[in-house]
PDB file of all heavy atoms in Angstrom:
ATOM      1  N   GLN A   1      16.368   1.281  -3.407  1.00  0.00           N
ATOM      2  CA  GLN A   1      17.069   0.952  -2.165  1.00  0.00           C
ATOM      3  C   GLN A   1      16.364  -0.176  -1.251  1.00  0.00           C
ATOM      4  O   GLN A   1      17.150  -0.751  -0.448  1.00  0.00           O
ATOM      5  CB  GLN A   1      17.263   2.198  -1.278  1.00  0.00           C
ATOM      6  CG  GLN A   1      16.048   2.933  -0.862  1.00  0.00           C
ATOM      7  CD  GLN A   1      15.790   4.139  -1.763  1.00  0.00           C
ATOM      8  OE1 GLN A   1      16.043   4.198  -2.907  1.00  0.00           O
ATOM      9  NE2 GLN A   1      15.375   5.214  -1.095  1.00  0.00           N
ATOM     10  N   VAL A   2      15.170  -0.378  -1.492  1.00  0.00           N
ATOM     11  CA  VAL A   2      14.325  -1.530  -0.884  1.00  0.00           C
ATOM     12  C   VAL A   2      14.220  -2.645  -1.940  1.00  0.00           C
ATOM     13  O   VAL A   2      13.634  -2.205  -3.075  1.00  0.00           O
ATOM     14  CB  VAL A   2      13.035  -1.015  -0.316  1.00  0.00           C
ATOM     15  CG1 VAL A   2      12.373  -2.167   0.244  1.00  0.00           C
ATOM     16  CG2 VAL A   2      13.271   0.023   0.776  1.00  0.00           C
ATOM     17  N   ARG A   3      14.451  -3.770  -1.714  1.00  0.00           N
ATOM     18  CA  ARG A   3      14.274  -4.853  -2.708  1.00  0.00           C
ATOM     19  C   ARG A   3      13.490  -5.956  -2.052  1.00  0.00           C
ATOM     20  O   ARG A   3      13.963  -6.805  -1.450  1.00  0.00           O
ATOM     21  CB  ARG A   3      15.654  -5.451  -3.276  1.00  0.00           C
ATOM     22  CG  ARG A   3      16.605  -4.344  -3.877  1.00  0.00           C
ATOM     23  CD  ARG A   3      17.790  -4.971  -4.506  1.00  0.00           C
ATOM     24  NE  ARG A   3      17.316  -5.698  -5.690  1.00  0.00           N
ATOM     25  CZ  ARG A   3      18.189  -6.328  -6.477  1.00  0.00           C
ATOM     26  NH1 ARG A   3      19.590  -6.243  -6.256  1.00  0.00           N
ATOM     27  NH2 ARG A   3      17.811  -7.039  -7.509  1.00  0.00           N
ATOM     28  N   PRO A   4      12.108  -5.845  -2.266  1.00  0.00           N
ATOM     29  CA  PRO A   4      11.267  -6.882  -1.687  1.00  0.00           C
ATOM     30  C   PRO A   4      11.506  -8.215  -2.315  1.00  0.00           C
ATOM     31  O   PRO A   4      11.881  -8.311  -3.525  1.00  0.00           O
ATOM     32  CB  PRO A   4       9.799  -6.279  -2.100  1.00  0.00           C
ATOM     33  CG  PRO A   4       9.998  -5.422  -3.308  1.00  0.00           C
ATOM     34  CD  PRO A   4      11.352  -4.796  -2.993  1.00  0.00           C
ATOM     35  N   PRO A   5      11.151  -9.358  -1.708  1.00  0.00           N
ATOM     36  CA  PRO A   5      11.378 -10.658  -2.191  1.00  0.00           C
ATOM     37  C   PRO A   5      10.290 -10.752  -3.402  1.00  0.00           C
ATOM     38  O   PRO A   5       9.270 -10.223  -3.395  1.00  0.00           O
ATOM     39  CB  PRO A   5      10.978 -11.497  -1.120  1.00  0.00           C
ATOM     40  CG  PRO A   5      10.072 -10.776  -0.236  1.00  0.00           C
ATOM     41  CD  PRO A   5      10.608  -9.301  -0.307  1.00  0.00           C
ATOM     42  N   LEU A   6      10.841 -11.491  -4.445  1.00  0.00           N
ATOM     43  CA  LEU A   6      10.072 -11.859  -5.630  1.00  0.00           C
ATOM     44  C   LEU A   6       9.104 -13.133  -5.198  1.00  0.00           C
ATOM     45  O   LEU A   6       9.470 -13.990  -4.424  1.00  0.00           O
ATOM     46  CB  LEU A   6      10.892 -12.279  -6.772  1.00  0.00           C
ATOM     47  CG  LEU A   6      11.775 -11.164  -7.328  1.00  0.00           C
ATOM     48  CD1 LEU A   6      12.830 -11.749  -8.276  1.00  0.00           C
ATOM     49  CD2 LEU A   6      10.988 -10.061  -8.029  1.00  0.00           C
ATOM     50  N   PRO A   7       7.919 -13.067  -5.768  1.00  0.00           N
ATOM     51  CA  PRO A   7       7.169 -12.012  -6.491  1.00  0.00           C
ATOM     52  C   PRO A   7       6.616 -11.005  -5.494  1.00  0.00           C
ATOM     53  O   PRO A   7       6.405 -11.220  -4.425  1.00  0.00           O
ATOM     54  CB  PRO A   7       5.956 -12.807  -7.217  1.00  0.00           C
ATOM     55  CG  PRO A   7       5.739 -13.834  -6.275  1.00  0.00           C
ATOM     56  CD  PRO A   7       6.905 -14.268  -5.579  1.00  0.00           C
ATOM     57  N   PHE A   8       6.524  -9.773  -5.950  1.00  0.00           N
ATOM     58  CA  PHE A   8       5.955  -8.711  -5.281  1.00  0.00           C
ATOM     59  C   PHE A   8       5.039  -7.867  -6.115  1.00  0.00           C
ATOM     60  O   PHE A   8       5.005  -7.857  -7.448  1.00  0.00           O
ATOM     61  CB  PHE A   8       7.112  -7.780  -4.588  1.00  0.00           C
ATOM     62  CG  PHE A   8       7.735  -6.961  -5.670  1.00  0.00           C
ATOM     63  CD1 PHE A   8       7.403  -5.735  -6.092  1.00  0.00           C
ATOM     64  CD2 PHE A   8       8.934  -7.498  -6.212  1.00  0.00           C
ATOM     65  CE1 PHE A   8       8.059  -5.057  -7.077  1.00  0.00           C
ATOM     66  CE2 PHE A   8       9.671  -6.831  -7.113  1.00  0.00           C
ATOM     67  CZ  PHE A   8       9.292  -5.541  -7.550  1.00  0.00           C
ATOM     68  N   THR A   9       4.339  -7.025  -5.448  1.00  0.00           N
ATOM     69  CA  THR A   9       3.366  -6.043  -6.227  1.00  0.00           C
ATOM     70  C   THR A   9       3.965  -4.626  -5.929  1.00  0.00           C
ATOM     71  O   THR A   9       4.124  -4.196  -4.735  1.00  0.00           O
ATOM     72  CB  THR A   9       1.944  -6.215  -5.508  1.00  0.00           C
ATOM     73  OG1 THR A   9       1.376  -7.458  -5.845  1.00  0.00           O
ATOM     74  CG2 THR A   9       1.125  -5.042  -6.200  1.00  0.00           C
ATOM     75  N   PRO A  10       4.317  -3.946  -6.923  1.00  0.00           N
ATOM     76  CA  PRO A  10       4.684  -2.548  -6.860  1.00  0.00           C
ATOM     77  C   PRO A  10       3.495  -1.617  -6.464  1.00  0.00           C
ATOM     78  O   PRO A  10       2.379  -2.065  -6.469  1.00  0.00           O
ATOM     79  CB  PRO A  10       5.264  -2.176  -8.173  1.00  0.00           C
ATOM     80  CG  PRO A  10       4.658  -3.129  -9.208  1.00  0.00           C
ATOM     81  CD  PRO A  10       4.320  -4.477  -8.388  1.00  0.00           C
ATOM     82  N   GLY A  11       3.706  -0.499  -6.244  1.00  0.00           N
ATOM     83  CA  GLY A  11       2.783   0.607  -6.025  1.00  0.00           C
ATOM     84  C   GLY A  11       3.035   1.025  -4.483  1.00  0.00           C
ATOM     85  O   GLY A  11       2.638   0.362  -3.521  1.00  0.00           O
ATOM     86  N   VAL A  12       3.790   2.256  -4.321  1.00  0.00           N
ATOM     87  CA  VAL A  12       4.194   2.728  -2.986  1.00  0.00           C
ATOM     88  C   VAL A  12       3.351   3.777  -2.428  1.00  0.00           C
ATOM     89  O   VAL A  12       3.663   4.243  -1.303  1.00  0.00           O
ATOM     90  CB  VAL A  12       5.549   3.167  -3.106  1.00  0.00           C
ATOM     91  CG1 VAL A  12       6.631   2.011  -3.554  1.00  0.00           C
ATOM     92  CG2 VAL A  12       5.736   4.283  -4.144  1.00  0.00           C
ATOM     93  N   GLU A  13       2.192   4.200  -3.047  1.00  0.00           N
ATOM     94  CA  GLU A  13       1.426   5.244  -2.581  1.00  0.00           C
ATOM     95  C   GLU A  13       0.084   5.226  -2.977  1.00  0.00           C
ATOM     96  O   GLU A  13      -0.303   4.967  -4.037  1.00  0.00           O
ATOM     97  CB  GLU A  13       2.071   6.487  -3.210  1.00  0.00           C
ATOM     98  CG  GLU A  13       1.337   7.797  -2.795  1.00  0.00           C
ATOM     99  CD  GLU A  13       2.085   9.002  -3.403  1.00  0.00           C
ATOM    100  OE1 GLU A  13       2.362   8.971  -4.621  1.00  0.00           O
ATOM    101  OE2 GLU A  13       2.449  10.036  -2.609  1.00  0.00           O
ATOM    102  N   ILE A  14      -0.882   5.090  -1.957  1.00  0.00           N
ATOM    103  CA  ILE A  14      -2.309   4.929  -2.222  1.00  0.00           C
ATOM    104  C   ILE A  14      -3.247   5.801  -1.545  1.00  0.00           C
ATOM    105  O   ILE A  14      -2.870   6.326  -0.452  1.00  0.00           O
ATOM    106  CB  ILE A  14      -2.753   3.357  -2.009  1.00  0.00           C
ATOM    107  CG1 ILE A  14      -2.775   2.994  -0.496  1.00  0.00           C
ATOM    108  CG2 ILE A  14      -1.882   2.399  -2.659  1.00  0.00           C
ATOM    109  CD1 ILE A  14      -3.681   1.896  -0.057  1.00  0.00           C
ATOM    110  N   CYS A  15      -4.428   5.896  -1.981  1.00  0.00           N
ATOM    111  CA  CYS A  15      -5.563   6.342  -1.137  1.00  0.00           C
ATOM    112  C   CYS A  15      -6.414   5.127  -1.023  1.00  0.00           C
ATOM    113  O   CYS A  15      -6.826   4.403  -2.025  1.00  0.00           O
ATOM    114  CB  CYS A  15      -6.412   7.402  -1.890  1.00  0.00           C
ATOM    115  SG  CYS A  15      -8.020   7.837  -0.989  1.00  0.00           S
ATOM    116  N   GLY A  16      -6.706   4.633   0.147  1.00  0.00           N
ATOM    117  CA  GLY A  16      -7.455   3.450   0.400  1.00  0.00           C
ATOM    118  C   GLY A  16      -8.578   3.618   1.434  1.00  0.00           C
ATOM    119  O   GLY A  16      -8.883   4.787   1.899  1.00  0.00           O
ATOM    120  N   GLU A  17      -9.222   2.632   1.706  1.00  0.00           N
ATOM    121  CA  GLU A  17     -10.486   2.504   2.662  1.00  0.00           C
ATOM    122  C   GLU A  17     -10.247   1.357   3.675  1.00  0.00           C
ATOM    123  O   GLU A  17      -9.986   0.304   3.343  1.00  0.00           O
ATOM    124  CB  GLU A  17     -11.812   2.370   1.906  1.00  0.00           C
ATOM    125  CG  GLU A  17     -12.929   2.367   2.748  1.00  0.00           C
ATOM    126  CD  GLU A  17     -14.279   2.306   1.852  1.00  0.00           C
ATOM    127  OE1 GLU A  17     -14.290   2.835   0.761  1.00  0.00           O
ATOM    128  OE2 GLU A  17     -15.207   1.770   2.469  1.00  0.00           O
ATOM    129  N   THR A  18     -10.276   1.734   5.012  1.00  0.00           N
ATOM    130  CA  THR A  18     -10.084   0.931   6.097  1.00  0.00           C
ATOM    131  C   THR A  18     -11.398  -0.058   6.227  1.00  0.00           C
ATOM    132  O   THR A  18     -12.491   0.305   5.593  1.00  0.00           O
ATOM    133  CB  THR A  18      -9.988   1.500   7.442  1.00  0.00           C
ATOM    134  OG1 THR A  18     -11.107   2.322   7.587  1.00  0.00           O
ATOM    135  CG2 THR A  18      -8.736   2.383   7.362  1.00  0.00           C
ATOM    136  N   GLU A  19     -11.268  -1.084   6.867  1.00  0.00           N
ATOM    137  CA  GLU A  19     -12.544  -2.019   6.982  1.00  0.00           C
ATOM    138  C   GLU A  19     -13.735  -1.350   7.779  1.00  0.00           C
ATOM    139  O   GLU A  19     -14.723  -1.722   7.560  1.00  0.00           O
ATOM    140  CB  GLU A  19     -12.067  -3.242   7.789  1.00  0.00           C
ATOM    141  CG  GLU A  19     -11.104  -4.118   6.943  1.00  0.00           C
ATOM    142  CD  GLU A  19     -10.674  -5.370   7.676  1.00  0.00           C
ATOM    143  OE1 GLU A  19      -9.806  -5.457   8.447  1.00  0.00           O
ATOM    144  OE2 GLU A  19     -11.338  -6.477   7.338  1.00  0.00           O
ATOM    145  N   ASP A  20     -13.322  -0.238   8.503  1.00  0.00           N
ATOM    146  CA  ASP A  20     -14.441   0.406   9.147  1.00  0.00           C
ATOM    147  C   ASP A  20     -14.826   1.687   8.361  1.00  0.00           C
ATOM    148  O   ASP A  20     -15.557   2.611   8.917  1.00  0.00           O
ATOM    149  CB  ASP A  20     -14.065   0.881  10.580  1.00  0.00           C
ATOM    150  CG  ASP A  20     -12.825   1.693  10.779  1.00  0.00           C
ATOM    151  OD1 ASP A  20     -12.181   2.053   9.563  1.00  0.00           O
ATOM    152  OD2 ASP A  20     -12.419   2.000  11.882  1.00  0.00           O
ATOM    153  N   GLY A  21     -14.425   1.762   7.116  1.00  0.00           N
ATOM    154  CA  GLY A  21     -14.985   2.834   6.229  1.00  0.00           C
ATOM    155  C   GLY A  21     -14.224   4.131   6.265  1.00  0.00           C
ATOM    156  O   GLY A  21     -14.705   5.080   5.532  1.00  0.00           O
ATOM    157  N   ARG A  22     -13.078   4.304   6.738  1.00  0.00           N
ATOM    158  CA  ARG A  22     -12.257   5.460   6.783  1.00  0.00           C
ATOM    159  C   ARG A  22     -11.540   5.554   5.506  1.00  0.00           C
ATOM    160  O   ARG A  22     -10.936   4.666   5.020  1.00  0.00           O
ATOM    161  CB  ARG A  22     -11.407   5.592   8.014  1.00  0.00           C
ATOM    162  CG  ARG A  22     -12.084   5.847   9.303  1.00  0.00           C
ATOM    163  CD  ARG A  22     -11.132   5.936  10.538  1.00  0.00           C
ATOM    164  NE  ARG A  22     -10.480   4.616  10.721  1.00  0.00           N
ATOM    165  CZ  ARG A  22      -9.135   4.343  10.615  1.00  0.00           C
ATOM    166  NH1 ARG A  22      -8.411   5.347  10.393  1.00  0.00           N
ATOM    167  NH2 ARG A  22      -8.633   3.152  10.772  1.00  0.00           N
ATOM    168  N   ARG A  23     -11.489   6.865   4.929  1.00  0.00           N
ATOM    169  CA  ARG A  23     -10.651   7.134   3.741  1.00  0.00           C
ATOM    170  C   ARG A  23      -9.323   7.528   4.094  1.00  0.00           C
ATOM    171  O   ARG A  23      -9.200   8.610   4.875  1.00  0.00           O
ATOM    172  CB  ARG A  23     -11.432   8.152   2.850  1.00  0.00           C
ATOM    173  CG  ARG A  23     -10.883   8.093   1.387  1.00  0.00           C
ATOM    174  CD  ARG A  23     -11.628   9.020   0.469  1.00  0.00           C
ATOM    175  NE  ARG A  23     -11.646  10.484   0.868  1.00  0.00           N
ATOM    176  CZ  ARG A  23     -10.960  11.228   0.175  1.00  0.00           C
ATOM    177  NH1 ARG A  23     -10.366  11.012  -0.955  1.00  0.00           N
ATOM    178  NH2 ARG A  23     -10.820  12.583   0.471  1.00  0.00           N
ATOM    179  N   VAL A  24      -8.286   6.951   3.748  1.00  0.00           N
ATOM    180  CA  VAL A  24      -6.914   7.113   4.261  1.00  0.00           C
ATOM    181  C   VAL A  24      -5.993   7.203   3.203  1.00  0.00           C
ATOM    182  O   VAL A  24      -6.196   6.683   2.017  1.00  0.00           O
ATOM    183  CB  VAL A  24      -6.594   6.138   5.350  1.00  0.00           C
ATOM    184  CG1 VAL A  24      -7.451   6.230   6.508  1.00  0.00           C
ATOM    185  CG2 VAL A  24      -6.458   4.745   4.757  1.00  0.00           C
ATOM    186  N   ILE A  25      -4.813   7.836   3.370  1.00  0.00           N
ATOM    187  CA  ILE A  25      -3.654   7.533   2.506  1.00  0.00           C
ATOM    188  C   ILE A  25      -2.552   6.869   3.291  1.00  0.00           C
ATOM    189  O   ILE A  25      -2.365   6.845   4.404  1.00  0.00           O
ATOM    190  CB  ILE A  25      -3.095   8.916   1.955  1.00  0.00           C
ATOM    191  CG1 ILE A  25      -2.705   9.778   3.051  1.00  0.00           C
ATOM    192  CG2 ILE A  25      -4.151   9.652   1.192  1.00  0.00           C
ATOM    193  CD1 ILE A  25      -1.984  11.052   2.693  1.00  0.00           C
ATOM    194  N   ALA A  26      -1.685   5.997   2.379  1.00  0.00           N
ATOM    195  CA  ALA A  26      -0.763   5.280   2.990  1.00  0.00           C
ATOM    196  C   ALA A  26       0.318   4.819   2.168  1.00  0.00           C
ATOM    197  O   ALA A  26       0.074   4.817   0.970  1.00  0.00           O
ATOM    198  CB  ALA A  26      -1.403   4.031   3.670  1.00  0.00           C
ATOM    199  N   ASN A  27       1.435   4.400   2.676  1.00  0.00           N
ATOM    200  CA  ASN A  27       2.441   3.723   1.837  1.00  0.00           C
ATOM    201  C   ASN A  27       2.290   2.134   2.132  1.00  0.00           C
ATOM    202  O   ASN A  27       2.566   1.708   3.248  1.00  0.00           O
ATOM    203  CB  ASN A  27       4.000   4.046   2.192  1.00  0.00           C
ATOM    204  CG  ASN A  27       4.049   5.578   1.956  1.00  0.00           C
ATOM    205  OD1 ASN A  27       4.537   6.309   2.973  1.00  0.00           O
ATOM    206  ND2 ASN A  27       3.835   6.066   0.856  1.00  0.00           N
ATOM    207  N   PRO A  28       1.882   1.314   1.128  1.00  0.00           N
ATOM    208  CA  PRO A  28       1.705  -0.053   1.439  1.00  0.00           C
ATOM    209  C   PRO A  28       2.972  -0.806   1.957  1.00  0.00           C
ATOM    210  O   PRO A  28       4.099  -0.299   1.645  1.00  0.00           O
ATOM    211  CB  PRO A  28       1.227  -0.596   0.079  1.00  0.00           C
ATOM    212  CG  PRO A  28       0.665   0.582  -0.664  1.00  0.00           C
ATOM    213  CD  PRO A  28       1.474   1.729  -0.199  1.00  0.00           C
TER     214      PRO A  28
END
């Protein structure tokens, strides 16, 4: 239902790290 412009990077769900070191989950 969402069509990002080409080119794009898929991957809609992550565990990541903020620049201040917090471990978080997010939808990119």
